[in-house]
Amino acid sequence: MRIDKSSFTKQQWEAIALYVDARKRRRRFLLQAGAAAVFGCGSALITRSLMQAEADLPGALHWAQTALPIVLLIVLCLGALVFQRAVASGRKAMLTAGLTMQFVADFEKYPTSKFP
C-alpha cells in the first residue's frame, strides 16, 4: 500500500502523529526505566553485601537499602501507567479521526523502533 499526503485527512495525520509520538516516548521511558531498575537493584545488592560483611555503614544507608527500591518501583509503575495511557489516547484519537479499526490494529503491530 502506497501512502502519500493525500491518503489521509489533516485530522487523521495529526492523530497518527500523536500515536507515533506516544509510542516513541513510551519505548524511551521503558528503556530508561529498565536501566534505572538494574541500577537500583545493583545498588541494593551492593549495600546488602556490605551490610552482611559488617562494614561500618551509616544508619541512613540501612533505611535507604529498604525504602529506595520500593520508591523506585512505585515511580516506575506510575510512569509506565502514564505512558500506556498516552498510547491509548493516541489510539482513541486515530479511531475518532475516522481511521478503521483494522488500520489501527495493523499500525499497532508495526515496531516502534522503525518509526521515523
PDB file of N, CA and C in Angstrom:
ATOM      1  N   MET A   1       0.838  -1.176   0.000  1.00  0.00           N
ATOM      2  CA  MET A   1       0.000   0.000   0.000  1.00  0.00           C
ATOM      3  C   MET A   1       0.884   1.240   0.000  1.00  0.00           C
ATOM      4  N   ARG A   2       0.634   2.120  -0.906  1.00  0.00           N
ATOM      5  CA  ARG A   2       1.400   3.358  -1.010  1.00  0.00           C
ATOM      6  C   ARG A   2       0.654   4.463  -0.275  1.00  0.00           C
ATOM      7  N   ILE A   3       1.370   5.149   0.607  1.00  0.00           N
ATOM      8  CA  ILE A   3       0.759   6.221   1.387  1.00  0.00           C
ATOM      9  C   ILE A   3       1.442   7.528   1.025  1.00  0.00           C
ATOM     10  N   ASP A   4       0.648   8.504   0.638  1.00  0.00           N
ATOM     11  CA  ASP A   4       1.184   9.838   0.390  1.00  0.00           C
ATOM     12  C   ASP A   4       0.359  10.841   1.190  1.00  0.00           C
ATOM     13  N   LYS A   5       0.617  12.108   0.979  1.00  0.00           N
ATOM     14  CA  LYS A   5      -0.020  13.153   1.778  1.00  0.00           C
ATOM     15  C   LYS A   5      -1.537  13.170   1.613  1.00  0.00           C
ATOM     16  N   SER A   6      -2.030  12.753   0.464  1.00  0.00           N
ATOM     17  CA  SER A   6      -3.475  12.795   0.224  1.00  0.00           C
ATOM     18  C   SER A   6      -4.191  11.538   0.713  1.00  0.00           C
ATOM     19  N   SER A   7      -3.453  10.581   1.275  1.00  0.00           N
ATOM     20  CA  SER A   7      -4.070   9.336   1.741  1.00  0.00           C
ATOM     21  C   SER A   7      -4.978   9.555   2.946  1.00  0.00           C
ATOM     22  N   PHE A   8      -4.660  10.549   3.772  1.00  0.00           N
ATOM     23  CA  PHE A   8      -5.411  10.804   4.992  1.00  0.00           C
ATOM     24  C   PHE A   8      -5.734  12.291   5.105  1.00  0.00           C
ATOM     25  N   THR A   9      -6.723  12.596   5.928  1.00  0.00           N
ATOM     26  CA  THR A   9      -7.062  13.990   6.188  1.00  0.00           C
ATOM     27  C   THR A   9      -6.060  14.568   7.185  1.00  0.00           C
ATOM     28  N   LYS A  10      -6.112  15.885   7.362  1.00  0.00           N
ATOM     29  CA  LYS A  10      -5.206  16.534   8.300  1.00  0.00           C
ATOM     30  C   LYS A  10      -5.440  16.025   9.716  1.00  0.00           C
ATOM     31  N   GLN A  11      -6.687  15.841  10.095  1.00  0.00           N
ATOM     32  CA  GLN A  11      -7.018  15.345  11.426  1.00  0.00           C
ATOM     33  C   GLN A  11      -6.476  13.922  11.623  1.00  0.00           C
ATOM     34  N   GLN A  12      -6.549  13.108  10.598  1.00  0.00           N
ATOM     35  CA  GLN A  12      -6.028  11.742  10.700  1.00  0.00           C
ATOM     36  C   GLN A  12      -4.507  11.735  10.828  1.00  0.00           C
ATOM     37  N   TRP A  13      -3.836  12.618  10.054  1.00  0.00           N
ATOM     38  CA  TRP A  13      -2.375  12.714  10.169  1.00  0.00           C
ATOM     39  C   TRP A  13      -1.975  13.157  11.571  1.00  0.00           C
ATOM     40  N   GLU A  14      -2.728  14.103  12.149  1.00  0.00           N
ATOM     41  CA  GLU A  14      -2.420  14.573  13.499  1.00  0.00           C
ATOM     42  C   GLU A  14      -2.610  13.450  14.519  1.00  0.00           C
ATOM     43  N   ALA A  15      -3.665  12.658  14.340  1.00  0.00           N
ATOM     44  CA  ALA A  15      -3.903  11.536  15.248  1.00  0.00           C
ATOM     45  C   ALA A  15      -2.800  10.492  15.120  1.00  0.00           C
ATOM     46  N   ILE A  16      -2.376  10.221  13.907  1.00  0.00           N
ATOM     47  CA  ILE A  16      -1.285   9.258  13.690  1.00  0.00           C
ATOM     48  C   ILE A  16       0.003   9.781  14.326  1.00  0.00           C
ATOM     49  N   ALA A  17       0.285  11.069  14.150  1.00  0.00           N
ATOM     50  CA  ALA A  17       1.489  11.661  14.738  1.00  0.00           C
ATOM     51  C   ALA A  17       1.442  11.598  16.270  1.00  0.00           C
ATOM     52  N   LEU A  18       0.268  11.836  16.849  1.00  0.00           N
ATOM     53  CA  LEU A  18       0.115  11.751  18.298  1.00  0.00           C
ATOM     54  C   LEU A  18       0.396  10.330  18.784  1.00  0.00           C
ATOM     55  N   TYR A  19      -0.134   9.364  18.081  1.00  0.00           N
ATOM     56  CA  TYR A  19       0.066   7.964  18.451  1.00  0.00           C
ATOM     57  C   TYR A  19       1.536   7.561  18.321  1.00  0.00           C
ATOM     58  N   VAL A  20       2.159   7.939  17.211  1.00  0.00           N
ATOM     59  CA  VAL A  20       3.572   7.599  16.987  1.00  0.00           C
ATOM     60  C   VAL A  20       4.440   8.227  18.070  1.00  0.00           C
ATOM     61  N   ASP A  21       4.176   9.491  18.394  1.00  0.00           N
ATOM     62  CA  ASP A  21       4.953  10.175  19.426  1.00  0.00           C
ATOM     63  C   ASP A  21       4.771   9.500  20.784  1.00  0.00           C
ATOM     64  N   ALA A  22       3.540   9.117  21.099  1.00  0.00           N
ATOM     65  CA  ALA A  22       3.287   8.444  22.380  1.00  0.00           C
ATOM     66  C   ALA A  22       4.010   7.108  22.447  1.00  0.00           C
ATOM     67  N   ARG A  23       4.010   6.355  21.357  1.00  0.00           N
ATOM     68  CA  ARG A  23       4.714   5.067  21.355  1.00  0.00           C
ATOM     69  C   ARG A  23       6.220   5.260  21.495  1.00  0.00           C
ATOM     70  N   LYS A  24       6.769   6.280  20.836  1.00  0.00           N
ATOM     71  CA  LYS A  24       8.209   6.548  20.952  1.00  0.00           C
ATOM     72  C   LYS A  24       8.572   6.927  22.388  1.00  0.00           C
ATOM     73  N   ARG A  25       7.751   7.806  22.997  1.00  0.00           N
ATOM     74  CA  ARG A  25       8.026   8.227  24.368  1.00  0.00           C
ATOM     75  C   ARG A  25       7.912   7.045  25.335  1.00  0.00           C
ATOM     76  N   ARG A  26       6.918   6.170  25.119  1.00  0.00           N
ATOM     77  CA  ARG A  26       6.764   5.003  25.987  1.00  0.00           C
ATOM     78  C   ARG A  26       7.972   4.081  25.854  1.00  0.00           C
ATOM     79  N   ARG A  27       8.428   3.859  24.642  1.00  0.00           N
ATOM     80  CA  ARG A  27       9.586   2.987  24.430  1.00  0.00           C
ATOM     81  C   ARG A  27      10.834   3.571  25.095  1.00  0.00           C
ATOM     82  N   ARG A  28      11.041   4.875  24.915  1.00  0.00           N
ATOM     83  CA  ARG A  28      12.188   5.536  25.541  1.00  0.00           C
ATOM     84  C   ARG A  28      12.110   5.412  27.061  1.00  0.00           C
ATOM     85  N   PHE A  29      10.904   5.638  27.612  1.00  0.00           N
ATOM     86  CA  PHE A  29      10.731   5.526  29.059  1.00  0.00           C
ATOM     87  C   PHE A  29      11.033   4.108  29.534  1.00  0.00           C
ATOM     88  N   LEU A  30      10.515   3.103  28.842  1.00  0.00           N
ATOM     89  CA  LEU A  30      10.732   1.726  29.269  1.00  0.00           C
ATOM     90  C   LEU A  30      12.211   1.342  29.234  1.00  0.00           C
ATOM     91  N   LEU A  31      12.933   1.839  28.236  1.00  0.00           N
ATOM     92  CA  LEU A  31      14.378   1.574  28.191  1.00  0.00           C
ATOM     93  C   LEU A  31      15.083   2.244  29.370  1.00  0.00           C
ATOM     94  N   GLN A  32      14.721   3.490  29.655  1.00  0.00           N
ATOM     95  CA  GLN A  32      15.338   4.205  30.769  1.00  0.00           C
ATOM     96  C   GLN A  32      14.914   3.610  32.106  1.00  0.00           C
ATOM     97  N   ALA A  33      13.658   3.189  32.195  1.00  0.00           N
ATOM     98  CA  ALA A  33      13.171   2.575  33.430  1.00  0.00           C
ATOM     99  C   ALA A  33      13.876   1.250  33.683  1.00  0.00           C
ATOM    100  N   GLY A  34      14.119   0.499  32.628  1.00  0.00           N
ATOM    101  CA  GLY A  34      14.861  -0.750  32.780  1.00  0.00           C
ATOM    102  C   GLY A  34      16.270  -0.508  33.294  1.00  0.00           C
ATOM    103  N   ALA A  35      16.916   0.522  32.756  1.00  0.00           N
ATOM    104  CA  ALA A  35      18.267   0.857  33.218  1.00  0.00           C
ATOM    105  C   ALA A  35      18.235   1.308  34.679  1.00  0.00           C
ATOM    106  N   ALA A  36      17.237   2.098  35.045  1.00  0.00           N
ATOM    107  CA  ALA A  36      17.113   2.561  36.430  1.00  0.00           C
ATOM    108  C   ALA A  36      16.845   1.384  37.370  1.00  0.00           C
ATOM    109  N   ALA A  37      16.027   0.446  36.930  1.00  0.00           N
ATOM    110  CA  ALA A  37      15.736  -0.728  37.762  1.00  0.00           C
ATOM    111  C   ALA A  37      16.991  -1.569  37.973  1.00  0.00           C
ATOM    112  N   VAL A  38      17.761  -1.764  36.918  1.00  0.00           N
ATOM    113  CA  VAL A  38      19.008  -2.533  37.044  1.00  0.00           C
ATOM    114  C   VAL A  38      19.970  -1.816  37.982  1.00  0.00           C
ATOM    115  N   PHE A  39      20.096  -0.500  37.832  1.00  0.00           N
ATOM    116  CA  PHE A  39      20.976   0.283  38.700  1.00  0.00           C
ATOM    117  C   PHE A  39      20.500   0.212  40.148  1.00  0.00           C
ATOM    118  N   GLY A  40      19.190   0.365  40.356  1.00  0.00           N
ATOM    119  CA  GLY A  40      18.643   0.326  41.710  1.00  0.00           C
ATOM    120  C   GLY A  40      18.834  -1.030  42.366  1.00  0.00           C
ATOM    121  N   CYS A  41      18.572  -2.093  41.620  1.00  0.00           N
ATOM    122  CA  CYS A  41      18.768  -3.446  42.165  1.00  0.00           C
ATOM    123  C   CYS A  41      20.240  -3.707  42.449  1.00  0.00           C
ATOM    124  N   GLY A  42      21.092  -3.261  41.552  1.00  0.00           N
ATOM    125  CA  GLY A  42      22.528  -3.420  41.773  1.00  0.00           C
ATOM    126  C   GLY A  42      22.996  -2.685  43.012  1.00  0.00           C
ATOM    127  N   SER A  43      22.499  -1.478  43.198  1.00  0.00           N
ATOM    128  CA  SER A  43      22.862  -0.698  44.387  1.00  0.00           C
ATOM    129  C   SER A  43      22.370  -1.381  45.659  1.00  0.00           C
ATOM    130  N   ALA A  44      21.132  -1.901  45.610  1.00  0.00           N
ATOM    131  CA  ALA A  44      20.592  -2.583  46.787  1.00  0.00           C
ATOM    132  C   ALA A  44      21.405  -3.835  47.113  1.00  0.00           C
ATOM    133  N   LEU A  45      21.813  -4.576  46.090  1.00  0.00           N
ATOM    134  CA  LEU A  45      22.614  -5.786  46.329  1.00  0.00           C
ATOM    135  C   LEU A  45      23.994  -5.454  46.885  1.00  0.00           C
ATOM    136  N   ILE A  46      24.589  -4.394  46.370  1.00  0.00           N
ATOM    137  CA  ILE A  46      25.905  -3.983  46.883  1.00  0.00           C
ATOM    138  C   ILE A  46      25.788  -3.553  48.336  1.00  0.00           C
ATOM    139  N   THR A  47      24.758  -2.773  48.650  1.00  0.00           N
ATOM    140  CA  THR A  47      24.550  -2.317  50.022  1.00  0.00           C
ATOM    141  C   THR A  47      24.300  -3.500  50.947  1.00  0.00           C
ATOM    142  N   ARG A  48      23.504  -4.457  50.475  1.00  0.00           N
ATOM    143  CA  ARG A  48      23.214  -5.633  51.293  1.00  0.00           C
ATOM    144  C   ARG A  48      24.486  -6.435  51.565  1.00  0.00           C
ATOM    145  N   SER A  49      25.327  -6.583  50.553  1.00  0.00           N
ATOM    146  CA  SER A  49      26.559  -7.343  50.771  1.00  0.00           C
ATOM    147  C   SER A  49      27.494  -6.604  51.729  1.00  0.00           C
ATOM    148  N   LEU A  50      27.497  -5.267  51.655  1.00  0.00           N
ATOM    149  CA  LEU A  50      28.313  -4.500  52.600  1.00  0.00           C
ATOM    150  C   LEU A  50      27.781  -4.646  54.024  1.00  0.00           C
ATOM    151  N   MET A  51      26.452  -4.667  54.161  1.00  0.00           N
ATOM    152  CA  MET A  51      25.867  -4.826  55.498  1.00  0.00           C
ATOM    153  C   MET A  51      26.162  -6.218  56.050  1.00  0.00           C
ATOM    154  N   GLN A  52      26.140  -7.236  55.194  1.00  0.00           N
ATOM    155  CA  GLN A  52      26.432  -8.594  55.638  1.00  0.00           C
ATOM    156  C   GLN A  52      27.900  -8.756  56.002  1.00  0.00           C
ATOM    157  N   ALA A  53      28.754  -7.958  55.352  1.00  0.00           N
ATOM    158  CA  ALA A  53      30.183  -8.006  55.661  1.00  0.00           C
ATOM    159  C   ALA A  53      30.504  -7.203  56.915  1.00  0.00           C
ATOM    160  N   GLU A  54      29.467  -6.624  57.512  1.00  0.00           N
ATOM    161  CA  GLU A  54      29.580  -5.831  58.734  1.00  0.00           C
ATOM    162  C   GLU A  54      30.539  -4.663  58.577  1.00  0.00           C
ATOM    163  N   ALA A  55      30.462  -4.036  57.427  1.00  0.00           N
ATOM    164  CA  ALA A  55      31.257  -2.835  57.212  1.00  0.00           C
ATOM    165  C   ALA A  55      30.647  -1.705  58.050  1.00  0.00           C
ATOM    166  N   ASP A  56      31.449  -0.734  58.375  1.00  0.00           N
ATOM    167  CA  ASP A  56      30.975   0.401  59.171  1.00  0.00           C
ATOM    168  C   ASP A  56      30.169   1.326  58.259  1.00  0.00           C
ATOM    169  N   LEU A  57      28.846   1.166  58.298  1.00  0.00           N
ATOM    170  CA  LEU A  57      27.964   1.936  57.430  1.00  0.00           C
ATOM    171  C   LEU A  57      27.063   2.838  58.267  1.00  0.00           C
ATOM    172  N   PRO A  58      26.719   4.003  57.731  1.00  0.00           N
ATOM    173  CA  PRO A  58      25.801   4.882  58.471  1.00  0.00           C
ATOM    174  C   PRO A  58      24.397   4.282  58.543  1.00  0.00           C
ATOM    175  N   GLY A  59      23.643   4.680  59.567  1.00  0.00           N
ATOM    176  CA  GLY A  59      22.299   4.158  59.772  1.00  0.00           C
ATOM    177  C   GLY A  59      21.346   4.502  58.642  1.00  0.00           C
ATOM    178  N   ALA A  60      21.558   5.641  57.998  1.00  0.00           N
ATOM    179  CA  ALA A  60      20.674   6.050  56.902  1.00  0.00           C
ATOM    180  C   ALA A  60      20.780   5.085  55.724  1.00  0.00           C
ATOM    181  N   LEU A  61      21.918   4.460  55.568  1.00  0.00           N
ATOM    182  CA  LEU A  61      22.100   3.523  54.463  1.00  0.00           C
ATOM    183  C   LEU A  61      21.236   2.275  54.646  1.00  0.00           C
ATOM    184  N   HIS A  62      21.038   1.875  55.890  1.00  0.00           N
ATOM    185  CA  HIS A  62      20.160   0.734  56.160  1.00  0.00           C
ATOM    186  C   HIS A  62      18.725   1.065  55.741  1.00  0.00           C
ATOM    187  N   TRP A  63      18.300   2.270  56.057  1.00  0.00           N
ATOM    188  CA  TRP A  63      16.945   2.704  55.686  1.00  0.00           C
ATOM    189  C   TRP A  63      16.834   2.827  54.166  1.00  0.00           C
ATOM    190  N   ALA A  64      17.836   3.410  53.543  1.00  0.00           N
ATOM    191  CA  ALA A  64      17.814   3.609  52.093  1.00  0.00           C
ATOM    192  C   ALA A  64      17.807   2.279  51.348  1.00  0.00           C
ATOM    193  N   GLN A  65      18.462   1.284  51.895  1.00  0.00           N
ATOM    194  CA  GLN A  65      18.527  -0.019  51.241  1.00  0.00           C
ATOM    195  C   GLN A  65      17.150  -0.660  51.146  1.00  0.00           C
ATOM    196  N   THR A  66      16.279  -0.340  52.079  1.00  0.00           N
ATOM    197  CA  THR A  66      14.922  -0.883  52.064  1.00  0.00           C
ATOM    198  C   THR A  66      13.951   0.022  51.324  1.00  0.00           C
ATOM    199  N   ALA A  67      14.011   1.308  51.597  1.00  0.00           N
ATOM    200  CA  ALA A  67      12.994   2.244  51.088  1.00  0.00           C
ATOM    201  C   ALA A  67      13.199   2.631  49.628  1.00  0.00           C
ATOM    202  N   LEU A  68      14.412   2.850  49.199  1.00  0.00           N
ATOM    203  CA  LEU A  68      14.638   3.338  47.838  1.00  0.00           C
ATOM    204  C   LEU A  68      14.175   2.365  46.753  1.00  0.00           C
ATOM    205  N   PRO A  69      14.409   1.069  46.865  1.00  0.00           N
ATOM    206  CA  PRO A  69      13.859   0.173  45.829  1.00  0.00           C
ATOM    207  C   PRO A  69      12.331   0.210  45.763  1.00  0.00           C
ATOM    208  N   ILE A  70      11.676   0.364  46.911  1.00  0.00           N
ATOM    209  CA  ILE A  70      10.217   0.451  46.919  1.00  0.00           C
ATOM    210  C   ILE A  70       9.759   1.720  46.234  1.00  0.00           C
ATOM    211  N   VAL A  71      10.393   2.843  46.540  1.00  0.00           N
ATOM    212  CA  VAL A  71      10.047   4.117  45.894  1.00  0.00           C
ATOM    213  C   VAL A  71      10.319   4.035  44.399  1.00  0.00           C
ATOM    214  N   LEU A  72      11.438   3.456  44.015  1.00  0.00           N
ATOM    215  CA  LEU A  72      11.775   3.297  42.602  1.00  0.00           C
ATOM    216  C   LEU A  72      10.720   2.464  41.885  1.00  0.00           C
ATOM    217  N   LEU A  73      10.285   1.383  42.492  1.00  0.00           N
ATOM    218  CA  LEU A  73       9.262   0.530  41.902  1.00  0.00           C
ATOM    219  C   LEU A  73       7.944   1.284  41.713  1.00  0.00           C
ATOM    220  N   ILE A  74       7.554   2.065  42.698  1.00  0.00           N
ATOM    221  CA  ILE A  74       6.311   2.844  42.599  1.00  0.00           C
ATOM    222  C   ILE A  74       6.407   3.869  41.478  1.00  0.00           C
ATOM    223  N   VAL A  75       7.520   4.577  41.412  1.00  0.00           N
ATOM    224  CA  VAL A  75       7.699   5.593  40.365  1.00  0.00           C
ATOM    225  C   VAL A  75       7.708   4.955  38.978  1.00  0.00           C
ATOM    226  N   LEU A  76       8.373   3.829  38.821  1.00  0.00           N
ATOM    227  CA  LEU A  76       8.415   3.157  37.529  1.00  0.00           C
ATOM    228  C   LEU A  76       7.033   2.657  37.115  1.00  0.00           C
ATOM    229  N   CYS A  77       6.275   2.130  38.049  1.00  0.00           N
ATOM    230  CA  CYS A  77       4.917   1.666  37.730  1.00  0.00           C
ATOM    231  C   CYS A  77       4.010   2.821  37.337  1.00  0.00           C
ATOM    232  N   LEU A  78       4.090   3.931  38.069  1.00  0.00           N
ATOM    233  CA  LEU A  78       3.281   5.099  37.724  1.00  0.00           C
ATOM    234  C   LEU A  78       3.670   5.656  36.357  1.00  0.00           C
ATOM    235  N   GLY A  79       4.970   5.695  36.079  1.00  0.00           N
ATOM    236  CA  GLY A  79       5.431   6.174  34.779  1.00  0.00           C
ATOM    237  C   GLY A  79       4.949   5.286  33.649  1.00  0.00           C
ATOM    238  N   ALA A  80       5.026   3.982  33.842  1.00  0.00           N
ATOM    239  CA  ALA A  80       4.548   3.054  32.816  1.00  0.00           C
ATOM    240  C   ALA A  80       3.055   3.233  32.577  1.00  0.00           C
ATOM    241  N   LEU A  81       2.303   3.455  33.640  1.00  0.00           N
ATOM    242  CA  LEU A  81       0.865   3.682  33.516  1.00  0.00           C
ATOM    243  C   LEU A  81       0.571   4.956  32.731  1.00  0.00           C
ATOM    244  N   VAL A  82       1.294   6.016  33.017  1.00  0.00           N
ATOM    245  CA  VAL A  82       1.092   7.292  32.316  1.00  0.00           C
ATOM    246  C   VAL A  82       1.384   7.140  30.832  1.00  0.00           C
ATOM    247  N   PHE A  83       2.476   6.500  30.484  1.00  0.00           N
ATOM    248  CA  PHE A  83       2.823   6.348  29.076  1.00  0.00           C
ATOM    249  C   PHE A  83       1.886   5.385  28.359  1.00  0.00           C
ATOM    250  N   GLN A  84       1.389   4.369  29.066  1.00  0.00           N
ATOM    251  CA  GLN A  84       0.415   3.474  28.456  1.00  0.00           C
ATOM    252  C   GLN A  84      -0.891   4.212  28.174  1.00  0.00           C
ATOM    253  N   ARG A  85      -1.281   5.111  29.074  1.00  0.00           N
ATOM    254  CA  ARG A  85      -2.494   5.904  28.850  1.00  0.00           C
ATOM    255  C   ARG A  85      -2.310   6.853  27.672  1.00  0.00           C
ATOM    256  N   ALA A  86      -1.103   7.385  27.481  1.00  0.00           N
ATOM    257  CA  ALA A  86      -0.847   8.269  26.339  1.00  0.00           C
ATOM    258  C   ALA A  86      -0.982   7.503  25.027  1.00  0.00           C
ATOM    259  N   VAL A  87      -0.502   6.268  24.998  1.00  0.00           N
ATOM    260  CA  VAL A  87      -0.636   5.436  23.796  1.00  0.00           C
ATOM    261  C   VAL A  87      -2.111   5.123  23.545  1.00  0.00           C
ATOM    262  N   ALA A  88      -2.838   4.804  24.594  1.00  0.00           N
ATOM    263  CA  ALA A  88      -4.269   4.522  24.443  1.00  0.00           C
ATOM    264  C   ALA A  88      -5.015   5.756  23.958  1.00  0.00           C
ATOM    265  N   SER A  89      -4.611   6.928  24.421  1.00  0.00           N
ATOM    266  CA  SER A  89      -5.226   8.176  23.967  1.00  0.00           C
ATOM    267  C   SER A  89      -4.945   8.402  22.483  1.00  0.00           C
ATOM    268  N   GLY A  90      -3.737   8.102  22.039  1.00  0.00           N
ATOM    269  CA  GLY A  90      -3.402   8.210  20.618  1.00  0.00           C
ATOM    270  C   GLY A  90      -4.200   7.245  19.774  1.00  0.00           C
ATOM    271  N   ARG A  91      -4.387   6.038  20.285  1.00  0.00           N
ATOM    272  CA  ARG A  91      -5.192   5.041  19.586  1.00  0.00           C
ATOM    273  C   ARG A  91      -6.643   5.523  19.464  1.00  0.00           C
ATOM    274  N   LYS A  92      -7.158   6.072  20.546  1.00  0.00           N
ATOM    275  CA  LYS A  92      -8.533   6.585  20.536  1.00  0.00           C
ATOM    276  C   LYS A  92      -8.662   7.762  19.566  1.00  0.00           C
ATOM    277  N   ALA A  93      -7.631   8.614  19.515  1.00  0.00           N
ATOM    278  CA  ALA A  93      -7.653   9.758  18.592  1.00  0.00           C
ATOM    279  C   ALA A  93      -7.682   9.276  17.145  1.00  0.00           C
ATOM    280  N   MET A  94      -6.956   8.201  16.851  1.00  0.00           N
ATOM    281  CA  MET A  94      -6.983   7.672  15.484  1.00  0.00           C
ATOM    282  C   MET A  94      -8.367   7.140  15.129  1.00  0.00           C
ATOM    283  N   LEU A  95      -8.999   6.455  16.062  1.00  0.00           N
ATOM    284  CA  LEU A  95     -10.347   5.944  15.794  1.00  0.00           C
ATOM    285  C   LEU A  95     -11.356   7.085  15.664  1.00  0.00           C
ATOM    286  N   THR A  96     -11.207   8.116  16.493  1.00  0.00           N
ATOM    287  CA  THR A  96     -12.096   9.272  16.433  1.00  0.00           C
ATOM    288  C   THR A  96     -11.918  10.037  15.127  1.00  0.00           C
ATOM    289  N   ALA A  97     -10.703  10.046  14.598  1.00  0.00           N
ATOM    290  CA  ALA A  97     -10.414  10.762  13.360  1.00  0.00           C
ATOM    291  C   ALA A  97     -10.964  10.037  12.134  1.00  0.00           C
ATOM    292  N   GLY A  98     -11.475   8.834  12.331  1.00  0.00           N
ATOM    293  CA  GLY A  98     -12.099   8.130  11.221  1.00  0.00           C
ATOM    294  C   GLY A  98     -11.276   7.007  10.622  1.00  0.00           C
ATOM    295  N   LEU A  99     -10.159   6.670  11.235  1.00  0.00           N
ATOM    296  CA  LEU A  99      -9.378   5.542  10.744  1.00  0.00           C
ATOM    297  C   LEU A  99     -10.052   4.244  11.168  1.00  0.00           C
ATOM    298  N   THR A 100      -9.933   3.239  10.350  1.00  0.00           N
ATOM    299  CA  THR A 100     -10.621   1.974  10.627  1.00  0.00           C
ATOM    300  C   THR A 100      -9.919   1.220  11.750  1.00  0.00           C
ATOM    301  N   MET A 101     -10.673   0.364  12.392  1.00  0.00           N
ATOM    302  CA  MET A 101     -10.131  -0.458  13.466  1.00  0.00           C
ATOM    303  C   MET A 101      -9.046  -1.390  12.920  1.00  0.00           C
ATOM    304  N   GLN A 102      -9.226  -1.866  11.702  1.00  0.00           N
ATOM    305  CA  GLN A 102      -8.230  -2.741  11.079  1.00  0.00           C
ATOM    306  C   GLN A 102      -6.917  -1.991  10.865  1.00  0.00           C
ATOM    307  N   PHE A 103      -6.994  -0.720  10.418  1.00  0.00           N
ATOM    308  CA  PHE A 103      -5.787   0.082  10.224  1.00  0.00           C
ATOM    309  C   PHE A 103      -5.068   0.277  11.550  1.00  0.00           C
ATOM    310  N   VAL A 104      -5.822   0.611  12.594  1.00  0.00           N
ATOM    311  CA  VAL A 104      -5.220   0.829  13.912  1.00  0.00           C
ATOM    312  C   VAL A 104      -4.573  -0.458  14.420  1.00  0.00           C
ATOM    313  N   ALA A 105      -5.250  -1.588  14.246  1.00  0.00           N
ATOM    314  CA  ALA A 105      -4.694  -2.868  14.689  1.00  0.00           C
ATOM    315  C   ALA A 105      -3.411  -3.202  13.923  1.00  0.00           C
ATOM    316  N   ASP A 106      -3.403  -2.956  12.625  1.00  0.00           N
ATOM    317  CA  ASP A 106      -2.196  -3.208  11.834  1.00  0.00           C
ATOM    318  C   ASP A 106      -1.079  -2.242  12.226  1.00  0.00           C
ATOM    319  N   PHE A 107      -1.436  -1.011  12.514  1.00  0.00           N
ATOM    320  CA  PHE A 107      -0.457   0.006  12.886  1.00  0.00           C
ATOM    321  C   PHE A 107       0.185  -0.328  14.232  1.00  0.00           C
ATOM    322  N   GLU A 108      -0.574  -0.946  15.136  1.00  0.00           N
ATOM    323  CA  GLU A 108      -0.032  -1.335  16.434  1.00  0.00           C
ATOM    324  C   GLU A 108       1.000  -2.443  16.306  1.00  0.00           C
ATOM    325  N   LYS A 109       0.910  -3.242  15.274  1.00  0.00           N
ATOM    326  CA  LYS A 109       1.868  -4.338  15.058  1.00  0.00           C
ATOM    327  C   LYS A 109       3.207  -3.823  14.519  1.00  0.00           C
ATOM    328  N   TYR A 110       3.205  -2.599  13.982  1.00  0.00           N
ATOM    329  CA  TYR A 110       4.427  -2.028  13.409  1.00  0.00           C
ATOM    330  C   TYR A 110       5.408  -1.749  14.535  1.00  0.00           C
ATOM    331  N   PRO A 111       6.663  -2.167  14.419  1.00  0.00           N
ATOM    332  CA  PRO A 111       7.637  -1.974  15.505  1.00  0.00           C
ATOM    333  C   PRO A 111       7.936  -0.497  15.762  1.00  0.00           C
ATOM    334  N   THR A 112       7.938  -0.132  17.018  1.00  0.00           N
ATOM    335  CA  THR A 112       8.193   1.258  17.399  1.00  0.00           C
ATOM    336  C   THR A 112       9.588   1.697  16.973  1.00  0.00           C
ATOM    337  N   SER A 113      10.540   0.801  16.991  1.00  0.00           N
ATOM    338  CA  SER A 113      11.916   1.161  16.645  1.00  0.00           C
ATOM    339  C   SER A 113      12.042   1.593  15.173  1.00  0.00           C
ATOM    340  N   LYS A 114      11.057   1.240  14.337  1.00  0.00           N
ATOM    341  CA  LYS A 114      11.140   1.589  12.919  1.00  0.00           C
ATOM    342  C   LYS A 114      10.386   2.872  12.583  1.00  0.00           C
ATOM    343  N   PHE A 115       9.731   3.489  13.568  1.00  0.00           N
ATOM    344  CA  PHE A 115       9.071   4.763  13.300  1.00  0.00           C
ATOM    345  C   PHE A 115      10.131   5.824  13.014  1.00  0.00           C
ATOM    346  N   PRO A 116       9.833   6.704  12.052  1.00  0.00           N
ATOM    347  CA  PRO A 116      10.829   7.758  11.744  1.00  0.00           C
ATOM    348  C   PRO A 116      10.950   8.774  12.856  1.00  0.00           C
TER     349      PRO A 116
END
